[in-house]
Amino acid sequence: MNPSRKIRPPLDPDVDDVAPDSPILTGYDEQHTVTYMRLLDAEADGADWEEAAKIVLHIDPVKEPARARRAWESHLARAKWMTETGYRFYLRGGAPH
């Protein structure tokens, strides 16, 4: 494999119950870039958080309301962090592995 070629993040990965809360970009963030974009799009479109949790995060808010809400809140917050701060790590080559 060509070392200069980046591996693309999965389009629909499983998520942890809580997104990272790190001051630096993590491997999890790199793997969930598409997830973050989908959550930001859902918010911009005015989608209900429960619908976003079910479709994007694959957590049923009817069966697991607290887990779904916690995951949605933390992943959306991380997505917003990515747009304000985290993207700078991509410009410097990505997460420090």
PDB file of N, CA and C in Angstrom:
ATOM      1  N   MET A   1       0.842  -1.188   0.000  1.00  0.00           N
ATOM      2  CA  MET A   1       0.000   0.000   0.000  1.00  0.00           C
ATOM      3  C   MET A   1       0.881   1.243   0.000  1.00  0.00           C
ATOM      4  N   ASN A   2       0.487   2.225  -0.720  1.00  0.00           N
ATOM      5  CA  ASN A   2       1.206   3.480  -0.809  1.00  0.00           C
ATOM      6  C   ASN A   2       1.071   4.224   0.519  1.00  0.00           C
ATOM      7  N   PRO A   3       2.193   4.524   1.211  1.00  0.00           N
ATOM      8  CA  PRO A   3       2.098   5.185   2.520  1.00  0.00           C
ATOM      9  C   PRO A   3       1.511   6.576   2.469  1.00  0.00           C
ATOM     10  N   SER A   4       1.555   7.231   1.316  1.00  0.00           N
ATOM     11  CA  SER A   4       0.987   8.577   1.233  1.00  0.00           C
ATOM     12  C   SER A   4      -0.524   8.555   1.030  1.00  0.00           C
ATOM     13  N   ARG A   5      -1.068   7.378   0.800  1.00  0.00           N
ATOM     14  CA  ARG A   5      -2.503   7.244   0.566  1.00  0.00           C
ATOM     15  C   ARG A   5      -3.230   7.011   1.893  1.00  0.00           C
ATOM     16  N   LYS A   6      -4.152   7.881   2.206  1.00  0.00           N
ATOM     17  CA  LYS A   6      -4.924   7.773   3.454  1.00  0.00           C
ATOM     18  C   LYS A   6      -6.020   6.729   3.322  1.00  0.00           C
ATOM     19  N   ILE A   7      -6.306   6.058   4.412  1.00  0.00           N
ATOM     20  CA  ILE A   7      -7.421   5.123   4.456  1.00  0.00           C
ATOM     21  C   ILE A   7      -8.685   5.932   4.701  1.00  0.00           C
ATOM     22  N   ARG A   8      -9.726   5.648   3.954  1.00  0.00           N
ATOM     23  CA  ARG A   8     -10.981   6.377   4.105  1.00  0.00           C
ATOM     24  C   ARG A   8     -11.738   5.865   5.322  1.00  0.00           C
ATOM     25  N   PRO A   9     -12.399   6.776   6.049  1.00  0.00           N
ATOM     26  CA  PRO A   9     -13.189   6.330   7.206  1.00  0.00           C
ATOM     27  C   PRO A   9     -14.412   5.551   6.748  1.00  0.00           C
ATOM     28  N   PRO A  10     -14.885   4.635   7.578  1.00  0.00           N
ATOM     29  CA  PRO A  10     -16.107   3.904   7.223  1.00  0.00           C
ATOM     30  C   PRO A  10     -17.295   4.863   7.118  1.00  0.00           C
ATOM     31  N   LEU A  11     -18.254   4.496   6.300  1.00  0.00           N
ATOM     32  CA  LEU A  11     -19.402   5.368   6.090  1.00  0.00           C
ATOM     33  C   LEU A  11     -20.433   5.297   7.211  1.00  0.00           C
ATOM     34  N   ASP A  12     -20.538   4.174   7.875  1.00  0.00           N
ATOM     35  CA  ASP A  12     -21.594   4.001   8.874  1.00  0.00           C
ATOM     36  C   ASP A  12     -21.116   3.122  10.034  1.00  0.00           C
ATOM     37  N   PRO A  13     -20.064   3.555  10.758  1.00  0.00           N
ATOM     38  CA  PRO A  13     -19.513   2.710  11.818  1.00  0.00           C
ATOM     39  C   PRO A  13     -20.384   2.699  13.071  1.00  0.00           C
ATOM     40  N   ASP A  14     -20.226   1.657  13.865  1.00  0.00           N
ATOM     41  CA  ASP A  14     -20.851   1.627  15.181  1.00  0.00           C
ATOM     42  C   ASP A  14     -20.226   2.724  16.032  1.00  0.00           C
ATOM     43  N   VAL A  15     -20.981   3.203  17.011  1.00  0.00           N
ATOM     44  CA  VAL A  15     -20.478   4.276  17.870  1.00  0.00           C
ATOM     45  C   VAL A  15     -20.377   3.808  19.316  1.00  0.00           C
ATOM     46  N   ASP A  16     -19.494   4.456  20.056  1.00  0.00           N
ATOM     47  CA  ASP A  16     -19.418   4.254  21.500  1.00  0.00           C
ATOM     48  C   ASP A  16     -20.574   4.998  22.157  1.00  0.00           C
ATOM     49  N   ASP A  17     -20.832   4.687  23.406  1.00  0.00           N
ATOM     50  CA  ASP A  17     -21.909   5.370  24.120  1.00  0.00           C
ATOM     51  C   ASP A  17     -21.632   6.864  24.293  1.00  0.00           C
ATOM     52  N   VAL A  18     -20.352   7.221  24.347  1.00  0.00           N
ATOM     53  CA  VAL A  18     -19.959   8.621  24.510  1.00  0.00           C
ATOM     54  C   VAL A  18     -18.798   8.901  23.558  1.00  0.00           C
ATOM     55  N   ALA A  19     -18.869  10.012  22.871  1.00  0.00           N
ATOM     56  CA  ALA A  19     -17.788  10.422  21.975  1.00  0.00           C
ATOM     57  C   ALA A  19     -16.588  10.890  22.797  1.00  0.00           C
ATOM     58  N   PRO A  20     -15.413  10.914  22.202  1.00  0.00           N
ATOM     59  CA  PRO A  20     -14.230  11.398  22.926  1.00  0.00           C
ATOM     60  C   PRO A  20     -14.410  12.837  23.401  1.00  0.00           C
ATOM     61  N   ASP A  21     -13.736  13.146  24.482  1.00  0.00           N
ATOM     62  CA  ASP A  21     -13.702  14.510  24.999  1.00  0.00           C
ATOM     63  C   ASP A  21     -12.237  14.870  25.212  1.00  0.00           C
ATOM     64  N   SER A  22     -11.483  14.770  24.144  1.00  0.00           N
ATOM     65  CA  SER A  22     -10.046  14.982  24.187  1.00  0.00           C
ATOM     66  C   SER A  22      -9.710  16.300  23.510  1.00  0.00           C
ATOM     67  N   PRO A  23      -8.663  16.983  23.968  1.00  0.00           N
ATOM     68  CA  PRO A  23      -8.283  18.235  23.315  1.00  0.00           C
ATOM     69  C   PRO A  23      -7.557  18.021  21.989  1.00  0.00           C
ATOM     70  N   ILE A  24      -7.322  16.758  21.633  1.00  0.00           N
ATOM     71  CA  ILE A  24      -6.675  16.454  20.358  1.00  0.00           C
ATOM     72  C   ILE A  24      -7.537  15.494  19.551  1.00  0.00           C
ATOM     73  N   LEU A  25      -7.284  15.433  18.268  1.00  0.00           N
ATOM     74  CA  LEU A  25      -7.974  14.513  17.382  1.00  0.00           C
ATOM     75  C   LEU A  25      -7.586  13.087  17.752  1.00  0.00           C
ATOM     76  N   THR A  26      -8.564  12.210  17.782  1.00  0.00           N
ATOM     77  CA  THR A  26      -8.311  10.812  18.141  1.00  0.00           C
ATOM     78  C   THR A  26      -8.559   9.908  16.934  1.00  0.00           C
ATOM     79  N   GLY A  27      -8.107   8.676  17.045  1.00  0.00           N
ATOM     80  CA  GLY A  27      -8.407   7.692  16.022  1.00  0.00           C
ATOM     81  C   GLY A  27      -9.904   7.491  15.880  1.00  0.00           C
ATOM     82  N   TYR A  28     -10.618   7.544  17.011  1.00  0.00           N
ATOM     83  CA  TYR A  28     -12.085   7.431  16.985  1.00  0.00           C
ATOM     84  C   TYR A  28     -12.679   8.545  16.130  1.00  0.00           C
ATOM     85  N   ASP A  29     -12.171   9.765  16.314  1.00  0.00           N
ATOM     86  CA  ASP A  29     -12.658  10.892  15.512  1.00  0.00           C
ATOM     87  C   ASP A  29     -12.435  10.638  14.026  1.00  0.00           C
ATOM     88  N   GLU A  30     -11.273  10.144  13.678  1.00  0.00           N
ATOM     89  CA  GLU A  30     -10.988   9.871  12.270  1.00  0.00           C
ATOM     90  C   GLU A  30     -11.940   8.811  11.719  1.00  0.00           C
ATOM     91  N   GLN A  31     -12.244   7.802  12.513  1.00  0.00           N
ATOM     92  CA  GLN A  31     -13.146   6.743  12.077  1.00  0.00           C
ATOM     93  C   GLN A  31     -14.598   7.217  12.000  1.00  0.00           C
ATOM     94  N   HIS A  32     -14.938   8.278  12.708  1.00  0.00           N
ATOM     95  CA  HIS A  32     -16.324   8.737  12.794  1.00  0.00           C
ATOM     96  C   HIS A  32     -16.562  10.099  12.138  1.00  0.00           C
ATOM     97  N   THR A  33     -15.670  10.490  11.258  1.00  0.00           N
ATOM     98  CA  THR A  33     -15.830  11.766  10.562  1.00  0.00           C
ATOM     99  C   THR A  33     -17.163  11.830   9.824  1.00  0.00           C
ATOM    100  N   VAL A  34     -17.527  10.765   9.160  1.00  0.00           N
ATOM    101  CA  VAL A  34     -18.790  10.748   8.417  1.00  0.00           C
ATOM    102  C   VAL A  34     -19.971  10.813   9.391  1.00  0.00           C
ATOM    103  N   THR A  35     -19.864  10.126  10.514  1.00  0.00           N
ATOM    104  CA  THR A  35     -20.910  10.182  11.547  1.00  0.00           C
ATOM    105  C   THR A  35     -21.112  11.621  12.000  1.00  0.00           C
ATOM    106  N   TYR A  36     -20.016  12.314  12.276  1.00  0.00           N
ATOM    107  CA  TYR A  36     -20.108  13.709  12.714  1.00  0.00           C
ATOM    108  C   TYR A  36     -20.774  14.577  11.651  1.00  0.00           C
ATOM    109  N   MET A  37     -20.392  14.380  10.399  1.00  0.00           N
ATOM    110  CA  MET A  37     -21.004  15.172   9.320  1.00  0.00           C
ATOM    111  C   MET A  37     -22.495  14.889   9.207  1.00  0.00           C
ATOM    112  N   ARG A  38     -22.871  13.635   9.350  1.00  0.00           N
ATOM    113  CA  ARG A  38     -24.289  13.282   9.263  1.00  0.00           C
ATOM    114  C   ARG A  38     -25.082  13.921  10.397  1.00  0.00           C
ATOM    115  N   LEU A  39     -24.508  13.969  11.601  1.00  0.00           N
ATOM    116  CA  LEU A  39     -25.200  14.606  12.727  1.00  0.00           C
ATOM    117  C   LEU A  39     -25.336  16.108  12.512  1.00  0.00           C
ATOM    118  N   LEU A  40     -24.291  16.732  11.994  1.00  0.00           N
ATOM    119  CA  LEU A  40     -24.370  18.163  11.709  1.00  0.00           C
ATOM    120  C   LEU A  40     -25.411  18.451  10.631  1.00  0.00           C
ATOM    121  N   ASP A  41     -25.464  17.607   9.626  1.00  0.00           N
ATOM    122  CA  ASP A  41     -26.481  17.769   8.576  1.00  0.00           C
ATOM    123  C   ASP A  41     -27.887  17.604   9.149  1.00  0.00           C
ATOM    124  N   ALA A  42     -28.062  16.602  10.013  1.00  0.00           N
ATOM    125  CA  ALA A  42     -29.369  16.368  10.621  1.00  0.00           C
ATOM    126  C   ALA A  42     -29.802  17.576  11.441  1.00  0.00           C
ATOM    127  N   GLU A  43     -28.876  18.133  12.204  1.00  0.00           N
ATOM    128  CA  GLU A  43     -29.203  19.308  13.011  1.00  0.00           C
ATOM    129  C   GLU A  43     -29.552  20.493  12.113  1.00  0.00           C
ATOM    130  N   ALA A  44     -28.781  20.703  11.065  1.00  0.00           N
ATOM    131  CA  ALA A  44     -29.041  21.814  10.141  1.00  0.00           C
ATOM    132  C   ALA A  44     -30.401  21.667   9.459  1.00  0.00           C
ATOM    133  N   ASP A  45     -30.811  20.422   9.228  1.00  0.00           N
ATOM    134  CA  ASP A  45     -32.105  20.158   8.594  1.00  0.00           C
ATOM    135  C   ASP A  45     -33.261  20.193   9.584  1.00  0.00           C
ATOM    136  N   GLY A  46     -32.951  20.383  10.863  1.00  0.00           N
ATOM    137  CA  GLY A  46     -33.991  20.431  11.875  1.00  0.00           C
ATOM    138  C   GLY A  46     -34.534  19.067  12.270  1.00  0.00           C
ATOM    139  N   ALA A  47     -33.761  18.019  12.037  1.00  0.00           N
ATOM    140  CA  ALA A  47     -34.206  16.665  12.386  1.00  0.00           C
ATOM    141  C   ALA A  47     -34.327  16.515  13.899  1.00  0.00           C
ATOM    142  N   ASP A  48     -35.272  15.727  14.323  1.00  0.00           N
ATOM    143  CA  ASP A  48     -35.459  15.415  15.727  1.00  0.00           C
ATOM    144  C   ASP A  48     -34.265  14.600  16.225  1.00  0.00           C
ATOM    145  N   TRP A  49     -33.791  14.865  17.439  1.00  0.00           N
ATOM    146  CA  TRP A  49     -32.626  14.165  17.962  1.00  0.00           C
ATOM    147  C   TRP A  49     -32.848  12.659  18.006  1.00  0.00           C
ATOM    148  N   GLU A  50     -34.090  12.240  18.297  1.00  0.00           N
ATOM    149  CA  GLU A  50     -34.378  10.803  18.380  1.00  0.00           C
ATOM    150  C   GLU A  50     -34.218  10.128  17.022  1.00  0.00           C
ATOM    151  N   GLU A  51     -34.655  10.810  15.977  1.00  0.00           N
ATOM    152  CA  GLU A  51     -34.497  10.271  14.628  1.00  0.00           C
ATOM    153  C   GLU A  51     -33.014  10.160  14.263  1.00  0.00           C
ATOM    154  N   ALA A  52     -32.231  11.197  14.602  1.00  0.00           N
ATOM    155  CA  ALA A  52     -30.792  11.173  14.324  1.00  0.00           C
ATOM    156  C   ALA A  52     -30.097  10.065  15.112  1.00  0.00           C
ATOM    157  N   ALA A  53     -30.495   9.889  16.365  1.00  0.00           N
ATOM    158  CA  ALA A  53     -29.888   8.829  17.176  1.00  0.00           C
ATOM    159  C   ALA A  53     -30.157   7.462  16.572  1.00  0.00           C
ATOM    160  N   LYS A  54     -31.366   7.268  16.131  1.00  0.00           N
ATOM    161  CA  LYS A  54     -31.746   5.961  15.571  1.00  0.00           C
ATOM    162  C   LYS A  54     -31.070   5.711  14.221  1.00  0.00           C
ATOM    163  N   ILE A  55     -31.100   6.691  13.342  1.00  0.00           N
ATOM    164  CA  ILE A  55     -30.583   6.499  11.989  1.00  0.00           C
ATOM    165  C   ILE A  55     -29.054   6.587  11.936  1.00  0.00           C
ATOM    166  N   VAL A  56     -28.496   7.587  12.564  1.00  0.00           N
ATOM    167  CA  VAL A  56     -27.054   7.825  12.454  1.00  0.00           C
ATOM    168  C   VAL A  56     -26.258   7.008  13.465  1.00  0.00           C
ATOM    169  N   LEU A  57     -26.744   6.965  14.705  1.00  0.00           N
ATOM    170  CA  LEU A  57     -25.985   6.290  15.764  1.00  0.00           C
ATOM    171  C   LEU A  57     -26.403   4.839  15.992  1.00  0.00           C
ATOM    172  N   HIS A  58     -27.518   4.441  15.392  1.00  0.00           N
ATOM    173  CA  HIS A  58     -28.038   3.071  15.523  1.00  0.00           C
ATOM    174  C   HIS A  58     -28.386   2.711  16.971  1.00  0.00           C
ATOM    175  N   ILE A  59     -28.918   3.692  17.686  1.00  0.00           N
ATOM    176  CA  ILE A  59     -29.374   3.466  19.058  1.00  0.00           C
ATOM    177  C   ILE A  59     -30.854   3.829  19.096  1.00  0.00           C
ATOM    178  N   ASP A  60     -31.676   2.903  19.520  1.00  0.00           N
ATOM    179  CA  ASP A  60     -33.120   3.112  19.550  1.00  0.00           C
ATOM    180  C   ASP A  60     -33.495   3.937  20.782  1.00  0.00           C
ATOM    181  N   PRO A  61     -33.960   5.171  20.590  1.00  0.00           N
ATOM    182  CA  PRO A  61     -34.297   6.024  21.727  1.00  0.00           C
ATOM    183  C   PRO A  61     -35.536   5.566  22.491  1.00  0.00           C
ATOM    184  N   VAL A  62     -36.340   4.703  21.902  1.00  0.00           N
ATOM    185  CA  VAL A  62     -37.502   4.173  22.617  1.00  0.00           C
ATOM    186  C   VAL A  62     -37.044   3.099  23.600  1.00  0.00           C
ATOM    187  N   LYS A  63     -36.150   2.237  23.165  1.00  0.00           N
ATOM    188  CA  LYS A  63     -35.656   1.151  24.018  1.00  0.00           C
ATOM    189  C   LYS A  63     -34.593   1.605  25.008  1.00  0.00           C
ATOM    190  N   GLU A  64     -33.765   2.568  24.592  1.00  0.00           N
ATOM    191  CA  GLU A  64     -32.661   3.040  25.435  1.00  0.00           C
ATOM    192  C   GLU A  64     -32.589   4.566  25.410  1.00  0.00           C
ATOM    193  N   PRO A  65     -33.573   5.230  26.023  1.00  0.00           N
ATOM    194  CA  PRO A  65     -33.641   6.690  25.911  1.00  0.00           C
ATOM    195  C   PRO A  65     -32.430   7.421  26.496  1.00  0.00           C
ATOM    196  N   ALA A  66     -31.963   7.011  27.656  1.00  0.00           N
ATOM    197  CA  ALA A  66     -30.834   7.709  28.284  1.00  0.00           C
ATOM    198  C   ALA A  66     -29.553   7.496  27.478  1.00  0.00           C
ATOM    199  N   ARG A  67     -29.321   6.275  27.059  1.00  0.00           N
ATOM    200  CA  ARG A  67     -28.120   5.969  26.263  1.00  0.00           C
ATOM    201  C   ARG A  67     -28.161   6.713  24.926  1.00  0.00           C
ATOM    202  N   ALA A  68     -29.314   6.712  24.278  1.00  0.00           N
ATOM    203  CA  ALA A  68     -29.446   7.388  22.989  1.00  0.00           C
ATOM    204  C   ALA A  68     -29.199   8.885  23.126  1.00  0.00           C
ATOM    205  N   ARG A  69     -29.779   9.486  24.148  1.00  0.00           N
ATOM    206  CA  ARG A  69     -29.614  10.933  24.353  1.00  0.00           C
ATOM    207  C   ARG A  69     -28.167  11.289  24.659  1.00  0.00           C
ATOM    208  N   ARG A  70     -27.538  10.507  25.539  1.00  0.00           N
ATOM    209  CA  ARG A  70     -26.137  10.745  25.911  1.00  0.00           C
ATOM    210  C   ARG A  70     -25.222  10.612  24.677  1.00  0.00           C
ATOM    211  N   ALA A  71     -25.431   9.578  23.889  1.00  0.00           N
ATOM    212  CA  ALA A  71     -24.614   9.359  22.692  1.00  0.00           C
ATOM    213  C   ALA A  71     -24.833  10.481  21.679  1.00  0.00           C
ATOM    214  N   TRP A  72     -26.093  10.851  21.468  1.00  0.00           N
ATOM    215  CA  TRP A  72     -26.391  11.925  20.518  1.00  0.00           C
ATOM    216  C   TRP A  72     -25.757  13.238  20.963  1.00  0.00           C
ATOM    217  N   GLU A  73     -25.936  13.589  22.237  1.00  0.00           N
ATOM    218  CA  GLU A  73     -25.378  14.852  22.741  1.00  0.00           C
ATOM    219  C   GLU A  73     -23.863  14.883  22.625  1.00  0.00           C
ATOM    220  N   SER A  74     -23.212  13.809  23.044  1.00  0.00           N
ATOM    221  CA  SER A  74     -21.746  13.816  23.046  1.00  0.00           C
ATOM    222  C   SER A  74     -21.180  13.781  21.625  1.00  0.00           C
ATOM    223  N   HIS A  75     -21.807  13.030  20.732  1.00  0.00           N
ATOM    224  CA  HIS A  75     -21.315  12.974  19.357  1.00  0.00           C
ATOM    225  C   HIS A  75     -21.588  14.282  18.610  1.00  0.00           C
ATOM    226  N   LEU A  76     -22.720  14.906  18.871  1.00  0.00           N
ATOM    227  CA  LEU A  76     -22.992  16.199  18.238  1.00  0.00           C
ATOM    228  C   LEU A  76     -22.027  17.263  18.770  1.00  0.00           C
ATOM    229  N   ALA A  77     -21.759  17.244  20.056  1.00  0.00           N
ATOM    230  CA  ALA A  77     -20.795  18.192  20.626  1.00  0.00           C
ATOM    231  C   ALA A  77     -19.415  17.981  20.016  1.00  0.00           C
ATOM    232  N   ARG A  78     -19.038  16.724  19.834  1.00  0.00           N
ATOM    233  CA  ARG A  78     -17.731  16.430  19.230  1.00  0.00           C
ATOM    234  C   ARG A  78     -17.717  16.858  17.767  1.00  0.00           C
ATOM    235  N   ALA A  79     -18.818  16.681  17.083  1.00  0.00           N
ATOM    236  CA  ALA A  79     -18.907  17.119  15.687  1.00  0.00           C
ATOM    237  C   ALA A  79     -18.704  18.630  15.595  1.00  0.00           C
ATOM    238  N   LYS A  80     -19.297  19.360  16.516  1.00  0.00           N
ATOM    239  CA  LYS A  80     -19.135  20.818  16.520  1.00  0.00           C
ATOM    240  C   LYS A  80     -17.699  21.194  16.867  1.00  0.00           C
ATOM    241  N   TRP A  81     -17.084  20.459  17.794  1.00  0.00           N
ATOM    242  CA  TRP A  81     -15.672  20.694  18.130  1.00  0.00           C
ATOM    243  C   TRP A  81     -14.798  20.495  16.894  1.00  0.00           C
ATOM    244  N   MET A  82     -15.148  19.484  16.098  1.00  0.00           N
ATOM    245  CA  MET A  82     -14.377  19.205  14.882  1.00  0.00           C
ATOM    246  C   MET A  82     -14.431  20.396  13.934  1.00  0.00           C
ATOM    247  N   THR A  83     -15.572  21.072  13.848  1.00  0.00           N
ATOM    248  CA  THR A  83     -15.688  22.202  12.925  1.00  0.00           C
ATOM    249  C   THR A  83     -14.979  23.448  13.448  1.00  0.00           C
ATOM    250  N   GLU A  84     -14.774  23.522  14.750  1.00  0.00           N
ATOM    251  CA  GLU A  84     -14.165  24.700  15.355  1.00  0.00           C
ATOM    252  C   GLU A  84     -12.674  24.529  15.623  1.00  0.00           C
ATOM    253  N   THR A  85     -12.262  23.321  16.011  1.00  0.00           N
ATOM    254  CA  THR A  85     -10.890  23.080  16.437  1.00  0.00           C
ATOM    255  C   THR A  85     -10.279  21.831  15.808  1.00  0.00           C
ATOM    256  N   GLY A  86     -11.016  20.751  15.838  1.00  0.00           N
ATOM    257  CA  GLY A  86     -10.475  19.456  15.441  1.00  0.00           C
ATOM    258  C   GLY A  86      -9.969  19.381  14.015  1.00  0.00           C
ATOM    259  N   TYR A  87     -10.577  20.131  13.121  1.00  0.00           N
ATOM    260  CA  TYR A  87     -10.160  20.086  11.719  1.00  0.00           C
ATOM    261  C   TYR A  87      -8.696  20.472  11.557  1.00  0.00           C
ATOM    262  N   ARG A  88      -8.175  21.299  12.472  1.00  0.00           N
ATOM    263  CA  ARG A  88      -6.777  21.739  12.374  1.00  0.00           C
ATOM    264  C   ARG A  88      -5.812  20.568  12.455  1.00  0.00           C
ATOM    265  N   PHE A  89      -6.207  19.515  13.201  1.00  0.00           N
ATOM    266  CA  PHE A  89      -5.355  18.337  13.301  1.00  0.00           C
ATOM    267  C   PHE A  89      -5.275  17.608  11.969  1.00  0.00           C
ATOM    268  N   TYR A  90      -6.370  17.621  11.205  1.00  0.00           N
ATOM    269  CA  TYR A  90      -6.334  17.039   9.860  1.00  0.00           C
ATOM    270  C   TYR A  90      -5.333  17.786   8.981  1.00  0.00           C
ATOM    271  N   LEU A  91      -5.298  19.089   9.131  1.00  0.00           N
ATOM    272  CA  LEU A  91      -4.371  19.893   8.326  1.00  0.00           C
ATOM    273  C   LEU A  91      -2.916  19.587   8.657  1.00  0.00           C
ATOM    274  N   ARG A  92      -2.691  19.070   9.874  1.00  0.00           N
ATOM    275  CA  ARG A  92      -1.332  18.725  10.312  1.00  0.00           C
ATOM    276  C   ARG A  92      -1.045  17.238  10.168  1.00  0.00           C
ATOM    277  N   GLY A  93      -1.944  16.501   9.498  1.00  0.00           N
ATOM    278  CA  GLY A  93      -1.660  15.100   9.242  1.00  0.00           C
ATOM    279  C   GLY A  93      -2.533  14.112   9.979  1.00  0.00           C
ATOM    280  N   GLY A  94      -3.446  14.552  10.796  1.00  0.00           N
ATOM    281  CA  GLY A  94      -4.371  13.645  11.473  1.00  0.00           C
ATOM    282  C   GLY A  94      -4.032  13.426  12.936  1.00  0.00           C
ATOM    283  N   ALA A  95      -4.624  12.395  13.465  1.00  0.00           N
ATOM    284  CA  ALA A  95      -4.444  12.076  14.887  1.00  0.00           C
ATOM    285  C   ALA A  95      -3.030  11.589  15.144  1.00  0.00           C
ATOM    286  N   PRO A  96      -2.459  11.948  16.296  1.00  0.00           N
ATOM    287  CA  PRO A  96      -1.132  11.436  16.645  1.00  0.00           C
ATOM    288  C   PRO A  96      -1.245   9.984  17.104  1.00  0.00           C
ATOM    289  N   HIS A  97      -0.918   9.066  16.238  1.00  0.00           N
ATOM    290  CA  HIS A  97      -1.062   7.626  16.558  1.00  0.00           C
ATOM    291  C   HIS A  97       0.157   7.104  17.265  1.00  0.00           C
TER     292      HIS A  97
END
